[in-house]
Amino acid sequence: MTRDVMIFLNDAERIKFAGYLEQDAQSNEGLIEQMEKLPALDAVIKKKRVEVMACRVVVQMLRGVETQTIK
């Protein structure tokens, strides 16, 4: 099912989206570091950590797709 979704992205779009997700994950990691210094943000921190993991999983999937040309 996930492969069907990826087929709609060309190589350049897939690379660009993967780069965006990597940046977003890094940004969220920085935000998590700052939030850890404040009390009572455990639920928000947990949510952000899940978002970072999800971004990294999608990046791996996007970068793992092989290009196929149908003639």
Protein backbone atom coordinates (compact mmCIF):
# COMPACT_ATOMS: atom_id res chain seq x y z
CA MET A 1 0.00 0.00 0.00
CA THR A 2 2.74 2.51 0.85
CA ARG A 3 4.50 1.73 -2.41
CA ASP A 4 1.35 2.80 -4.31
CA VAL A 5 1.52 6.24 -2.75
CA MET A 6 5.20 6.70 -3.57
CA ILE A 7 4.68 5.96 -7.23
CA PHE A 8 3.05 9.38 -7.63
CA LEU A 9 6.28 11.18 -6.72
CA ASN A 10 8.99 11.54 -9.34
CA ASP A 11 12.63 11.20 -8.29
CA ALA A 12 13.17 14.93 -7.73
CA GLU A 13 9.98 15.28 -5.69
CA ARG A 14 10.83 12.25 -3.58
CA ILE A 15 14.33 13.58 -2.82
CA LYS A 16 12.98 17.06 -2.04
CA PHE A 17 10.31 15.66 0.30
CA ALA A 18 12.83 13.41 2.05
CA GLY A 19 15.07 16.44 2.61
CA TYR A 20 12.14 18.40 4.03
CA LEU A 21 11.32 15.57 6.42
CA GLU A 22 14.94 15.31 7.56
CA GLN A 23 15.01 19.05 8.28
CA ASP A 24 11.72 18.81 10.14
CA ALA A 25 13.04 15.94 12.26
CA GLN A 26 16.19 17.89 13.13
CA SER A 27 14.15 20.97 13.98
CA ASN A 28 11.85 18.93 16.22
CA GLU A 29 14.84 17.36 17.97
CA GLY A 30 16.12 20.86 18.80
CA LEU A 31 12.69 21.82 20.05
CA ILE A 32 12.55 18.69 22.22
CA GLU A 33 15.90 19.60 23.80
CA GLN A 34 14.53 23.01 24.76
CA MET A 35 11.23 21.63 26.02
CA GLU A 36 13.01 19.08 28.24
CA LYS A 37 14.28 22.02 30.29
CA LEU A 38 10.74 23.09 31.17
CA PRO A 39 8.49 21.26 33.62
CA ALA A 40 5.14 19.67 32.74
CA LEU A 41 5.74 19.23 29.00
CA ASP A 42 6.10 15.44 29.01
CA ALA A 43 3.04 14.84 26.80
CA VAL A 44 4.20 17.38 24.20
CA ILE A 45 7.73 15.99 24.25
CA LYS A 46 6.41 12.46 23.73
CA LYS A 47 4.29 13.62 20.77
CA LYS A 48 7.27 15.40 19.19
CA ARG A 49 9.47 12.32 19.62
CA VAL A 50 6.85 10.24 17.81
CA GLU A 51 6.76 12.81 15.00
CA VAL A 52 10.56 12.66 14.68
CA MET A 53 10.49 8.86 14.49
CA ALA A 54 7.70 8.97 11.89
CA CYS A 55 9.64 11.45 9.76
CA ARG A 56 12.72 9.24 9.88
CA VAL A 57 10.73 6.13 8.89
CA VAL A 58 9.18 7.93 5.90
CA VAL A 59 12.61 9.25 4.86
CA GLN A 60 13.99 5.70 4.89
CA MET A 61 11.07 4.53 2.79
CA LEU A 62 11.44 7.39 0.30
CA ARG A 63 15.17 6.86 -0.06
CA GLY A 64 14.70 3.09 -0.41
CA VAL A 65 12.44 3.28 -3.47
CA GLU A 66 13.94 2.06 -6.72
CA THR A 67 13.12 4.02 -9.85
CA GLN A 68 11.40 2.05 -12.59
CA THR A 69 10.58 3.24 -16.08
CA ILE A 70 7.78 1.64 -18.04
CA LYS A 71 8.21 1.75 -21.80
